[in-house]
C-alpha atoms as a PDB file:
ATOM      1  CA  MET A   1     -19.404 -28.925 -14.770  1.00  0.00           C
ATOM      2  CA  ASN A   2     -17.459 -29.057 -18.005  1.00  0.00           C
ATOM      3  CA  THR A   3     -17.298 -25.953 -20.131  1.00  0.00           C
ATOM      4  CA  LEU A   4     -18.083 -26.008 -23.835  1.00  0.00           C
ATOM      5  CA  GLY A   5     -14.359 -25.741 -24.538  1.00  0.00           C
ATOM      6  CA  GLN A   6     -13.582 -28.751 -22.378  1.00  0.00           C
ATOM      7  CA  ARG A   7     -16.263 -30.794 -24.153  1.00  0.00           C
ATOM      8  CA  ILE A   8     -14.878 -29.814 -27.566  1.00  0.00           C
ATOM      9  CA  LYS A   9     -11.390 -30.838 -26.460  1.00  0.00           C
ATOM     10  CA  THR A  10     -12.704 -34.160 -25.123  1.00  0.00           C
ATOM     11  CA  ILE A  11     -14.377 -34.958 -28.443  1.00  0.00           C
ATOM     12  CA  ARG A  12     -11.298 -33.923 -30.406  1.00  0.00           C
ATOM     13  CA  GLU A  13      -9.096 -36.146 -28.271  1.00  0.00           C
ATOM     14  CA  SER A  14     -11.575 -39.047 -28.370  1.00  0.00           C
ATOM     15  CA  VAL A  15     -11.368 -39.131 -32.165  1.00  0.00           C
ATOM     16  CA  ASP A  16      -7.571 -38.854 -31.906  1.00  0.00           C
ATOM     17  CA  MET A  17      -7.108 -35.692 -33.974  1.00  0.00           C
ATOM     18  CA  ASN A  18      -4.747 -32.795 -33.476  1.00  0.00           C
ATOM     19  CA  ARG A  19      -6.264 -29.310 -33.656  1.00  0.00           C
ATOM     20  CA  GLN A  20      -5.370 -28.732 -37.304  1.00  0.00           C
ATOM     21  CA  THR A  21      -6.828 -32.056 -38.460  1.00  0.00           C
ATOM     22  CA  PHE A  22      -9.947 -31.419 -36.381  1.00  0.00           C
ATOM     23  CA  ALA A  23     -10.401 -27.963 -37.938  1.00  0.00           C
ATOM     24  CA  THR A  24      -9.961 -29.410 -41.418  1.00  0.00           C
ATOM     25  CA  TYR A  25     -12.404 -32.241 -40.727  1.00  0.00           C
ATOM     26  CA  ILE A  26     -15.186 -29.941 -39.534  1.00  0.00           C
ATOM     27  CA  LYS A  27     -14.316 -27.423 -42.268  1.00  0.00           C
ATOM     28  CA  VAL A  28     -13.518 -24.261 -40.308  1.00  0.00           C
ATOM     29  CA  ALA A  29     -11.241 -21.661 -41.846  1.00  0.00           C
ATOM     30  CA  GLY A  30      -9.535 -20.592 -38.618  1.00  0.00           C
ATOM     31  CA  GLY A  31      -7.521 -23.794 -38.320  1.00  0.00           C
ATOM     32  CA  ALA A  32      -5.735 -24.954 -35.205  1.00  0.00           C
ATOM     33  CA  GLU A  33      -5.658 -21.482 -33.640  1.00  0.00           C
ATOM     34  CA  LEU A  34      -9.451 -21.197 -33.761  1.00  0.00           C
ATOM     35  CA  VAL A  35      -9.892 -24.667 -32.234  1.00  0.00           C
ATOM     36  CA  LYS A  36      -7.463 -23.644 -29.475  1.00  0.00           C
ATOM     37  CA  GLN A  37      -9.570 -20.535 -28.773  1.00  0.00           C
ATOM     38  CA  TRP A  38     -12.708 -22.706 -28.522  1.00  0.00           C
ATOM     39  CA  GLU A  39     -10.983 -25.104 -26.140  1.00  0.00           C
ATOM     40  CA  ASN A  40      -9.859 -22.175 -23.968  1.00  0.00           C
ATOM     41  CA  ASP A  41     -13.399 -20.709 -24.046  1.00  0.00           C
ATOM     42  CA  GLU A  42     -12.099 -17.516 -25.675  1.00  0.00           C
ATOM     43  CA  LYS A  43     -14.511 -17.921 -28.605  1.00  0.00           C
ATOM     44  CA  LYS A  44     -17.554 -20.070 -29.286  1.00  0.00           C
ATOM     45  CA  PRO A  45     -18.311 -21.964 -32.498  1.00  0.00           C
ATOM     46  CA  ASP A  46     -21.387 -21.029 -34.513  1.00  0.00           C
ATOM     47  CA  GLU A  47     -24.479 -23.261 -34.662  1.00  0.00           C
ATOM     48  CA  ASN A  48     -23.430 -25.110 -37.833  1.00  0.00           C
ATOM     49  CA  THR A  49     -19.999 -25.869 -36.429  1.00  0.00           C
ATOM     50  CA  LEU A  50     -21.488 -27.057 -33.135  1.00  0.00           C
ATOM     51  CA  GLU A  51     -23.671 -29.438 -35.106  1.00  0.00           C
ATOM     52  CA  GLN A  52     -20.665 -30.802 -37.022  1.00  0.00           C
ATOM     53  CA  ILE A  53     -18.725 -31.309 -33.786  1.00  0.00           C
ATOM     54  CA  ALA A  54     -21.726 -32.994 -32.173  1.00  0.00           C
ATOM     55  CA  VAL A  55     -22.078 -35.371 -35.118  1.00  0.00           C
ATOM     56  CA  LEU A  56     -18.398 -36.138 -34.876  1.00  0.00           C
ATOM     57  CA  GLY A  57     -18.806 -36.953 -31.203  1.00  0.00           C
ATOM     58  CA  ARG A  58     -22.091 -38.784 -31.870  1.00  0.00           C
ATOM     59  CA  LEU A  59     -23.991 -36.519 -29.525  1.00  0.00           C
ATOM     60  CA  PRO A  60     -27.209 -34.667 -30.330  1.00  0.00           C
ATOM     61  CA  PRO A  61     -26.367 -30.986 -31.007  1.00  0.00           C
ATOM     62  CA  LEU A  62     -28.745 -29.898 -28.248  1.00  0.00           C
ATOM     63  CA  CYS A  63     -26.385 -31.486 -25.708  1.00  0.00           C
ATOM     64  CA  TRP A  64     -23.851 -28.738 -26.413  1.00  0.00           C
ATOM     65  CA  HIS A  65     -26.302 -26.101 -25.231  1.00  0.00           C
ATOM     66  CA  VAL A  66     -27.564 -27.817 -22.097  1.00  0.00           C
ATOM     67  CA  GLY A  67     -24.332 -29.601 -21.208  1.00  0.00           C
ATOM     68  CA  GLU A  68     -25.815 -33.030 -20.698  1.00  0.00           C
ATOM     69  CA  ARG A  69     -27.470 -35.875 -22.539  1.00  0.00           C
ATOM     70  CA  LEU A  70     -31.231 -35.697 -22.763  1.00  0.00           C
ATOM     71  CA  THR A  71     -33.505 -38.688 -22.429  1.00  0.00           C
ATOM     72  CA  LEU A  72     -36.751 -38.550 -24.339  1.00  0.00           C
ATOM     73  CA  MET A  73     -39.762 -39.644 -22.353  1.00  0.00           C
ATOM     74  CA  ARG A  74     -42.217 -42.032 -23.966  1.00  0.00           C
END
């Protein structure tokens, strides 16, 4: 199973951004070093930041907590 850090890195790479550009885009003050810590699972982003990353990756924010896409039943 992918860790949160691996999923963040995958999204960052899929939108073709380096860590500094990614940090600027999602408006976090810690810059590239903070993104590196997330990717290495040393720190975790807060809820608002997770939501911004999820929007960037076009995934529902809840996916970050459960680690998979959810399908709504009709």
